[in-house]
Amino acid sequence: MADLLVKGVSQRINIAALFDRFGGKCFKTGKILNIADRDSWAVDHTLPSRWLYPLTEDTATLLSAEANNNKRDKWPSEFYTNEEVKKIINRSAS
C-alpha cells in the first residue's frame, strides 16, 4: 500500500499539458482560465494530499482558485457529481 502512495511523489506537473488536457477550463465550473494569471487557478490533488496521495500527471485536476478552495481536502465523491468523477477517471486513463 505504501508503494502506491509514494509512487510519483516527486513528479513534476507539465502545466501547459494540464491546461491542454482540461481545455484551459476549470474542471468543476467550466470557467476559462488564463495560464498567465497564476492566482486564478490551481493544480488540485484529485485525491487529497492530506491522506498522502501524491500529485502526479494522473491525479492532477485543473480548477479555478475558487473551486479549489471549495474542494479543500474533500474526496472526489464529496465535491464532484458522479458524472464528473467518471470524466476525471476517463481523463486520467487517456
Protein backbone atom coordinates (compact mmCIF):
# COMPACT_ATOMS: atom_id res chain seq x y z
CA MET A 1 0.00 0.00 0.00
CA ALA A 2 2.77 2.43 0.90
CA ASP A 3 4.36 1.87 -2.52
CA LEU A 4 1.20 3.13 -4.18
CA LEU A 5 1.18 6.28 -2.07
CA VAL A 6 4.78 7.23 -2.72
CA LYS A 7 4.83 6.36 -6.41
CA GLY A 8 5.28 9.55 -8.39
CA VAL A 9 5.63 11.71 -5.29
CA SER A 10 8.31 13.91 -6.90
CA GLN A 11 6.74 14.04 -10.35
CA ARG A 12 6.67 17.49 -11.92
CA ILE A 13 3.39 18.59 -13.47
CA ASN A 14 3.55 19.98 -17.00
CA ILE A 15 1.22 22.96 -16.60
CA ALA A 16 0.80 23.56 -20.34
CA ALA A 17 -0.15 19.90 -20.83
CA LEU A 18 -2.59 20.11 -17.90
CA PHE A 19 -4.24 23.18 -19.47
CA ASP A 20 -4.46 21.30 -22.76
CA ARG A 21 -5.94 18.24 -21.06
CA PHE A 22 -8.68 20.33 -19.45
CA GLY A 23 -9.21 22.63 -22.43
CA GLY A 24 -7.95 25.63 -20.44
CA LYS A 25 -11.05 25.48 -18.24
CA CYS A 26 -11.81 24.82 -14.60
CA PHE A 27 -12.97 21.23 -14.47
CA LYS A 28 -15.69 22.00 -11.91
CA THR A 29 -17.12 25.29 -13.21
CA GLY A 30 -16.12 25.32 -16.86
CA LYS A 31 -14.70 28.82 -16.39
CA ILE A 32 -11.97 29.69 -18.91
CA LEU A 33 -8.66 30.11 -17.10
CA ASN A 34 -5.65 32.21 -18.06
CA ILE A 35 -2.43 30.25 -17.68
CA ALA A 36 -0.55 33.54 -17.13
CA ASP A 37 -2.81 34.56 -14.20
CA ARG A 38 -1.41 32.13 -11.64
CA ASP A 39 -3.60 33.43 -8.82
CA SER A 40 -6.79 32.49 -10.70
CA TRP A 41 -6.20 28.72 -11.00
CA ALA A 42 -4.85 25.76 -9.06
CA VAL A 43 -3.49 22.32 -9.74
CA ASP A 44 -5.65 20.20 -7.50
CA HIS A 45 -4.78 16.87 -5.91
CA THR A 46 -7.83 14.96 -7.10
CA LEU A 47 -7.17 12.54 -4.25
CA PRO A 48 -6.41 14.57 -1.12
CA SER A 49 -2.75 15.15 -0.30
CA ARG A 50 -3.83 15.24 3.34
CA TRP A 51 -4.11 11.46 3.07
CA LEU A 52 -0.64 11.21 1.46
CA TYR A 53 -1.77 10.74 -2.13
CA PRO A 54 0.93 12.16 -4.42
CA LEU A 55 0.31 14.84 -7.01
CA THR A 56 1.09 13.34 -10.40
CA GLU A 57 0.06 13.94 -14.01
CA ASP A 58 -2.68 11.34 -13.49
CA THR A 59 -4.01 12.73 -10.20
CA ALA A 60 -3.93 16.44 -11.08
CA THR A 61 -7.09 18.36 -11.90
CA LEU A 62 -7.21 21.94 -13.18
CA LEU A 63 -9.53 24.06 -11.05
CA SER A 64 -10.20 27.75 -10.60
CA ALA A 65 -8.76 29.09 -7.36
CA GLU A 66 -12.31 29.46 -6.00
CA ALA A 67 -13.30 25.88 -6.85
CA ASN A 68 -10.05 24.58 -5.36
CA ASN A 69 -10.74 26.46 -2.13
CA ASN A 70 -14.21 24.94 -2.01
CA LYS A 71 -12.84 21.43 -2.57
CA ARG A 72 -10.10 21.59 0.06
CA ASP A 73 -9.41 18.10 1.43
CA LYS A 74 -12.64 16.53 0.23
CA TRP A 75 -12.73 13.19 -1.53
CA PRO A 76 -13.76 13.47 -5.18
CA SER A 77 -17.14 11.90 -4.37
CA GLU A 78 -17.81 14.66 -1.81
CA PHE A 79 -17.13 17.50 -4.25
CA TYR A 80 -17.86 16.21 -7.74
CA THR A 81 -21.00 14.69 -9.18
CA ASN A 82 -20.88 11.04 -10.25
CA GLU A 83 -20.63 12.18 -13.89
CA GLU A 84 -17.70 14.47 -13.07
CA VAL A 85 -15.89 11.64 -11.28
CA LYS A 86 -16.33 9.46 -14.37
CA LYS A 87 -14.87 12.24 -16.55
CA ILE A 88 -11.85 12.61 -14.25
CA ILE A 89 -11.24 8.88 -14.39
CA ASN A 90 -11.51 8.87 -18.19
CA ARG A 91 -9.09 11.80 -18.48
CA SER A 92 -6.59 10.03 -16.24
CA ALA A 93 -6.84 6.86 -18.34
CA SER A 94 -6.16 8.77 -21.56
